[in-house]
Amino acid sequence: MRFELYRDSGGEWRWRLRVTNGNVIADSAEGYARREDCEHGITLVKGSAEASVVDMTLKIA
């Protein structure tokens, strides 16, 4: 399980929670202007879960 941090088509930051089989089981449902606010949203949802956070903006297509 991992949190993916990415930018949407409007340039806002979003997150999604993806499980091992590739399915998305949760998402931010709103965009954030600041990356820090998006990361804070992940922290609130994550709690003590063992999911990693992956910055999808660093992936090369």
PDB file of N, CA and C in Angstrom:
ATOM      1  N   MET A   1       0.862  -1.166   0.000  1.00  0.00           N
ATOM      2  CA  MET A   1       0.000   0.000   0.000  1.00  0.00           C
ATOM      3  C   MET A   1       0.911   1.232   0.000  1.00  0.00           C
ATOM      4  N   ARG A   2       0.505   2.249  -0.775  1.00  0.00           N
ATOM      5  CA  ARG A   2       1.304   3.476  -0.812  1.00  0.00           C
ATOM      6  C   ARG A   2       0.438   4.683  -1.137  1.00  0.00           C
ATOM      7  N   PHE A   3       0.860   5.827  -0.634  1.00  0.00           N
ATOM      8  CA  PHE A   3       0.254   7.095  -0.998  1.00  0.00           C
ATOM      9  C   PHE A   3       1.034   7.652  -2.178  1.00  0.00           C
ATOM     10  N   GLU A   4       0.335   8.109  -3.201  1.00  0.00           N
ATOM     11  CA  GLU A   4       0.965   8.748  -4.353  1.00  0.00           C
ATOM     12  C   GLU A   4       0.617  10.229  -4.328  1.00  0.00           C
ATOM     13  N   LEU A   5       1.626  11.051  -4.397  1.00  0.00           N
ATOM     14  CA  LEU A   5       1.505  12.504  -4.393  1.00  0.00           C
ATOM     15  C   LEU A   5       1.714  12.965  -5.831  1.00  0.00           C
ATOM     16  N   TYR A   6       0.771  13.738  -6.383  1.00  0.00           N
ATOM     17  CA  TYR A   6       0.885  14.133  -7.789  1.00  0.00           C
ATOM     18  C   TYR A   6       0.204  15.475  -8.035  1.00  0.00           C
ATOM     19  N   ARG A   7       0.444  16.033  -9.211  1.00  0.00           N
ATOM     20  CA  ARG A   7      -0.234  17.259  -9.636  1.00  0.00           C
ATOM     21  C   ARG A   7      -1.313  16.894 -10.647  1.00  0.00           C
ATOM     22  N   ASP A   8      -2.482  17.532 -10.514  1.00  0.00           N
ATOM     23  CA  ASP A   8      -3.567  17.287 -11.459  1.00  0.00           C
ATOM     24  C   ASP A   8      -3.404  18.192 -12.682  1.00  0.00           C
ATOM     25  N   SER A   9      -4.328  18.104 -13.616  1.00  0.00           N
ATOM     26  CA  SER A   9      -4.228  18.876 -14.862  1.00  0.00           C
ATOM     27  C   SER A   9      -4.301  20.380 -14.626  1.00  0.00           C
ATOM     28  N   GLY A  10      -4.850  20.794 -13.500  1.00  0.00           N
ATOM     29  CA  GLY A  10      -4.922  22.210 -13.153  1.00  0.00           C
ATOM     30  C   GLY A  10      -3.714  22.706 -12.371  1.00  0.00           C
ATOM     31  N   GLY A  11      -2.750  21.807 -12.120  1.00  0.00           N
ATOM     32  CA  GLY A  11      -1.542  22.181 -11.403  1.00  0.00           C
ATOM     33  C   GLY A  11      -1.640  22.085  -9.890  1.00  0.00           C
ATOM     34  N   GLU A  12      -2.777  21.604  -9.377  1.00  0.00           N
ATOM     35  CA  GLU A  12      -2.931  21.478  -7.929  1.00  0.00           C
ATOM     36  C   GLU A  12      -2.375  20.137  -7.452  1.00  0.00           C
ATOM     37  N   TRP A  13      -1.948  20.088  -6.194  1.00  0.00           N
ATOM     38  CA  TRP A  13      -1.420  18.873  -5.588  1.00  0.00           C
ATOM     39  C   TRP A  13      -2.562  17.991  -5.108  1.00  0.00           C
ATOM     40  N   ARG A  14      -2.420  16.693  -5.314  1.00  0.00           N
ATOM     41  CA  ARG A  14      -3.402  15.707  -4.861  1.00  0.00           C
ATOM     42  C   ARG A  14      -2.674  14.468  -4.375  1.00  0.00           C
ATOM     43  N   TRP A  15      -3.407  13.621  -3.654  1.00  0.00           N
ATOM     44  CA  TRP A  15      -2.864  12.331  -3.246  1.00  0.00           C
ATOM     45  C   TRP A  15      -3.896  11.250  -3.525  1.00  0.00           C
ATOM     46  N   ARG A  16      -3.393  10.022  -3.669  1.00  0.00           N
ATOM     47  CA  ARG A  16      -4.265   8.852  -3.775  1.00  0.00           C
ATOM     48  C   ARG A  16      -3.588   7.705  -3.026  1.00  0.00           C
ATOM     49  N   LEU A  17      -4.397   6.813  -2.488  1.00  0.00           N
ATOM     50  CA  LEU A  17      -3.900   5.651  -1.768  1.00  0.00           C
ATOM     51  C   LEU A  17      -4.128   4.426  -2.646  1.00  0.00           C
ATOM     52  N   ARG A  18      -3.030   3.805  -3.029  1.00  0.00           N
ATOM     53  CA  ARG A  18      -3.092   2.653  -3.935  1.00  0.00           C
ATOM     54  C   ARG A  18      -2.649   1.398  -3.177  1.00  0.00           C
ATOM     55  N   VAL A  19      -3.420   0.313  -3.315  1.00  0.00           N
ATOM     56  CA  VAL A  19      -3.066  -0.948  -2.658  1.00  0.00           C
ATOM     57  C   VAL A  19      -2.211  -1.804  -3.587  1.00  0.00           C
ATOM     58  N   THR A  20      -1.711  -2.902  -3.061  1.00  0.00           N
ATOM     59  CA  THR A  20      -0.757  -3.757  -3.760  1.00  0.00           C
ATOM     60  C   THR A  20      -1.247  -4.226  -5.127  1.00  0.00           C
ATOM     61  N   ASN A  21      -2.541  -4.475  -5.280  1.00  0.00           N
ATOM     62  CA  ASN A  21      -3.058  -4.950  -6.565  1.00  0.00           C
ATOM     63  C   ASN A  21      -3.253  -3.828  -7.585  1.00  0.00           C
ATOM     64  N   GLY A  22      -2.909  -2.598  -7.220  1.00  0.00           N
ATOM     65  CA  GLY A  22      -2.991  -1.466  -8.141  1.00  0.00           C
ATOM     66  C   GLY A  22      -4.250  -0.624  -8.034  1.00  0.00           C
ATOM     67  N   ASN A  23      -5.226  -1.093  -7.287  1.00  0.00           N
ATOM     68  CA  ASN A  23      -6.469  -0.337  -7.138  1.00  0.00           C
ATOM     69  C   ASN A  23      -6.287   0.868  -6.226  1.00  0.00           C
ATOM     70  N   VAL A  24      -6.959   1.957  -6.574  1.00  0.00           N
ATOM     71  CA  VAL A  24      -6.990   3.155  -5.730  1.00  0.00           C
ATOM     72  C   VAL A  24      -8.167   2.999  -4.779  1.00  0.00           C
ATOM     73  N   ILE A  25      -7.885   3.071  -3.476  1.00  0.00           N
ATOM     74  CA  ILE A  25      -8.958   2.884  -2.495  1.00  0.00           C
ATOM     75  C   ILE A  25      -9.357   4.180  -1.800  1.00  0.00           C
ATOM     76  N   ALA A  26      -8.576   5.256  -1.998  1.00  0.00           N
ATOM     77  CA  ALA A  26      -8.921   6.566  -1.427  1.00  0.00           C
ATOM     78  C   ALA A  26      -8.166   7.634  -2.197  1.00  0.00           C
ATOM     79  N   ASP A  27      -8.731   8.847  -2.201  1.00  0.00           N
ATOM     80  CA  ASP A  27      -8.032   9.982  -2.811  1.00  0.00           C
ATOM     81  C   ASP A  27      -8.385  11.260  -2.066  1.00  0.00           C
ATOM     82  N   SER A  28      -7.670  12.324  -2.400  1.00  0.00           N
ATOM     83  CA  SER A  28      -7.832  13.574  -1.671  1.00  0.00           C
ATOM     84  C   SER A  28      -9.169  14.250  -1.931  1.00  0.00           C
ATOM     85  N   ALA A  29      -9.811  13.987  -3.041  1.00  0.00           N
ATOM     86  CA  ALA A  29     -11.116  14.562  -3.390  1.00  0.00           C
ATOM     87  C   ALA A  29     -11.081  16.079  -3.562  1.00  0.00           C
ATOM     88  N   GLU A  30      -9.937  16.681  -3.330  1.00  0.00           N
ATOM     89  CA  GLU A  30      -9.765  18.114  -3.575  1.00  0.00           C
ATOM     90  C   GLU A  30      -8.307  18.371  -3.899  1.00  0.00           C
ATOM     91  N   GLY A  31      -8.067  19.434  -4.634  1.00  0.00           N
ATOM     92  CA  GLY A  31      -6.699  19.817  -4.946  1.00  0.00           C
ATOM     93  C   GLY A  31      -6.184  20.824  -3.935  1.00  0.00           C
ATOM     94  N   TYR A  32      -4.881  20.825  -3.746  1.00  0.00           N
ATOM     95  CA  TYR A  32      -4.224  21.746  -2.831  1.00  0.00           C
ATOM     96  C   TYR A  32      -3.274  22.644  -3.614  1.00  0.00           C
ATOM     97  N   ALA A  33      -3.274  23.919  -3.323  1.00  0.00           N
ATOM     98  CA  ALA A  33      -2.367  24.854  -3.989  1.00  0.00           C
ATOM     99  C   ALA A  33      -0.927  24.624  -3.538  1.00  0.00           C
ATOM    100  N   ARG A  34      -0.752  24.240  -2.273  1.00  0.00           N
ATOM    101  CA  ARG A  34       0.592  24.044  -1.730  1.00  0.00           C
ATOM    102  C   ARG A  34       0.862  22.566  -1.455  1.00  0.00           C
ATOM    103  N   ARG A  35       2.026  22.123  -1.850  1.00  0.00           N
ATOM    104  CA  ARG A  35       2.426  20.732  -1.618  1.00  0.00           C
ATOM    105  C   ARG A  35       2.362  20.391  -0.127  1.00  0.00           C
ATOM    106  N   GLU A  36       2.797  21.315   0.714  1.00  0.00           N
ATOM    107  CA  GLU A  36       2.811  21.081   2.156  1.00  0.00           C
ATOM    108  C   GLU A  36       1.416  20.767   2.692  1.00  0.00           C
ATOM    109  N   ASP A  37       0.401  21.442   2.166  1.00  0.00           N
ATOM    110  CA  ASP A  37      -0.974  21.185   2.599  1.00  0.00           C
ATOM    111  C   ASP A  37      -1.423  19.790   2.178  1.00  0.00           C
ATOM    112  N   CYS A  38      -1.018  19.376   0.993  1.00  0.00           N
ATOM    113  CA  CYS A  38      -1.352  18.038   0.513  1.00  0.00           C
ATOM    114  C   CYS A  38      -0.668  16.981   1.381  1.00  0.00           C
ATOM    115  N   GLU A  39       0.594  17.206   1.704  1.00  0.00           N
ATOM    116  CA  GLU A  39       1.324  16.278   2.568  1.00  0.00           C
ATOM    117  C   GLU A  39       0.677  16.200   3.951  1.00  0.00           C
ATOM    118  N   HIS A  40       0.188  17.321   4.439  1.00  0.00           N
ATOM    119  CA  HIS A  40      -0.518  17.331   5.726  1.00  0.00           C
ATOM    120  C   HIS A  40      -1.787  16.484   5.640  1.00  0.00           C
ATOM    121  N   GLY A  41      -2.508  16.578   4.516  1.00  0.00           N
ATOM    122  CA  GLY A  41      -3.697  15.754   4.306  1.00  0.00           C
ATOM    123  C   GLY A  41      -3.361  14.270   4.350  1.00  0.00           C
ATOM    124  N   ILE A  42      -2.231  13.890   3.755  1.00  0.00           N
ATOM    125  CA  ILE A  42      -1.786  12.494   3.807  1.00  0.00           C
ATOM    126  C   ILE A  42      -1.530  12.092   5.258  1.00  0.00           C
ATOM    127  N   THR A  43      -0.871  12.957   6.004  1.00  0.00           N
ATOM    128  CA  THR A  43      -0.559  12.666   7.404  1.00  0.00           C
ATOM    129  C   THR A  43      -1.829  12.429   8.217  1.00  0.00           C
ATOM    130  N   LEU A  44      -2.856  13.233   7.971  1.00  0.00           N
ATOM    131  CA  LEU A  44      -4.113  13.079   8.701  1.00  0.00           C
ATOM    132  C   LEU A  44      -4.775  11.744   8.401  1.00  0.00           C
ATOM    133  N   VAL A  45      -4.720  11.308   7.142  1.00  0.00           N
ATOM    134  CA  VAL A  45      -5.345  10.050   6.752  1.00  0.00           C
ATOM    135  C   VAL A  45      -4.479   8.864   7.157  1.00  0.00           C
ATOM    136  N   LYS A  46      -3.187   9.020   7.016  1.00  0.00           N
ATOM    137  CA  LYS A  46      -2.247   7.933   7.251  1.00  0.00           C
ATOM    138  C   LYS A  46      -2.214   7.485   8.705  1.00  0.00           C
ATOM    139  N   GLY A  47      -2.224   8.417   9.622  1.00  0.00           N
ATOM    140  CA  GLY A  47      -2.123   8.044  11.024  1.00  0.00           C
ATOM    141  C   GLY A  47      -0.858   7.247  11.260  1.00  0.00           C
ATOM    142  N   SER A  48      -0.994   6.037  11.777  1.00  0.00           N
ATOM    143  CA  SER A  48       0.163   5.191  12.041  1.00  0.00           C
ATOM    144  C   SER A  48       0.299   4.066  11.017  1.00  0.00           C
ATOM    145  N   ALA A  49      -0.402   4.163   9.897  1.00  0.00           N
ATOM    146  CA  ALA A  49      -0.342   3.119   8.865  1.00  0.00           C
ATOM    147  C   ALA A  49       1.069   2.988   8.308  1.00  0.00           C
ATOM    148  N   GLU A  50       1.358   1.866   7.740  1.00  0.00           N
ATOM    149  CA  GLU A  50       2.684   1.568   7.217  1.00  0.00           C
ATOM    150  C   GLU A  50       2.837   1.907   5.734  1.00  0.00           C
ATOM    151  N   ALA A  51       1.925   2.649   5.159  1.00  0.00           N
ATOM    152  CA  ALA A  51       1.991   2.981   3.734  1.00  0.00           C
ATOM    153  C   ALA A  51       3.100   3.990   3.475  1.00  0.00           C
ATOM    154  N   SER A  52       3.836   3.777   2.387  1.00  0.00           N
ATOM    155  CA  SER A  52       4.870   4.741   1.996  1.00  0.00           C
ATOM    156  C   SER A  52       4.229   5.880   1.210  1.00  0.00           C
ATOM    157  N   VAL A  53       4.983   6.952   0.991  1.00  0.00           N
ATOM    158  CA  VAL A  53       4.539   8.079   0.175  1.00  0.00           C
ATOM    159  C   VAL A  53       5.454   8.165  -1.018  1.00  0.00           C
ATOM    160  N   VAL A  54       4.861   8.164  -2.231  1.00  0.00           N
ATOM    161  CA  VAL A  54       5.639   8.211  -3.476  1.00  0.00           C
ATOM    162  C   VAL A  54       5.292   9.497  -4.215  1.00  0.00           C
ATOM    163  N   ASP A  55       6.289  10.304  -4.534  1.00  0.00           N
ATOM    164  CA  ASP A  55       6.094  11.546  -5.288  1.00  0.00           C
ATOM    165  C   ASP A  55       6.047  11.205  -6.760  1.00  0.00           C
ATOM    166  N   MET A  56       4.859  11.216  -7.356  1.00  0.00           N
ATOM    167  CA  MET A  56       4.673  10.824  -8.749  1.00  0.00           C
ATOM    168  C   MET A  56       5.199  11.894  -9.705  1.00  0.00           C
ATOM    169  N   THR A  57       5.481  13.091  -9.215  1.00  0.00           N
ATOM    170  CA  THR A  57       6.027  14.132 -10.087  1.00  0.00           C
ATOM    171  C   THR A  57       7.482  13.862 -10.417  1.00  0.00           C
ATOM    172  N   LEU A  58       8.113  12.947  -9.703  1.00  0.00           N
ATOM    173  CA  LEU A  58       9.500  12.606  -9.951  1.00  0.00           C
ATOM    174  C   LEU A  58       9.646  11.433 -10.928  1.00  0.00           C
ATOM    175  N   LYS A  59       8.539  10.808 -11.319  1.00  0.00           N
ATOM    176  CA  LYS A  59       8.577   9.668 -12.226  1.00  0.00           C
ATOM    177  C   LYS A  59       8.819  10.141 -13.653  1.00  0.00           C
ATOM    178  N   ILE A  60       9.650   9.432 -14.355  1.00  0.00           N
ATOM    179  CA  ILE A  60       9.927   9.740 -15.769  1.00  0.00           C
ATOM    180  C   ILE A  60       9.046   8.855 -16.625  1.00  0.00           C
ATOM    181  N   ALA A  61       8.263   9.469 -17.511  1.00  0.00           N
ATOM    182  CA  ALA A  61       7.333   8.719 -18.355  1.00  0.00           C
ATOM    183  C   ALA A  61       8.056   7.975 -19.440  1.00  0.00           C
TER     184      ALA A  61
END
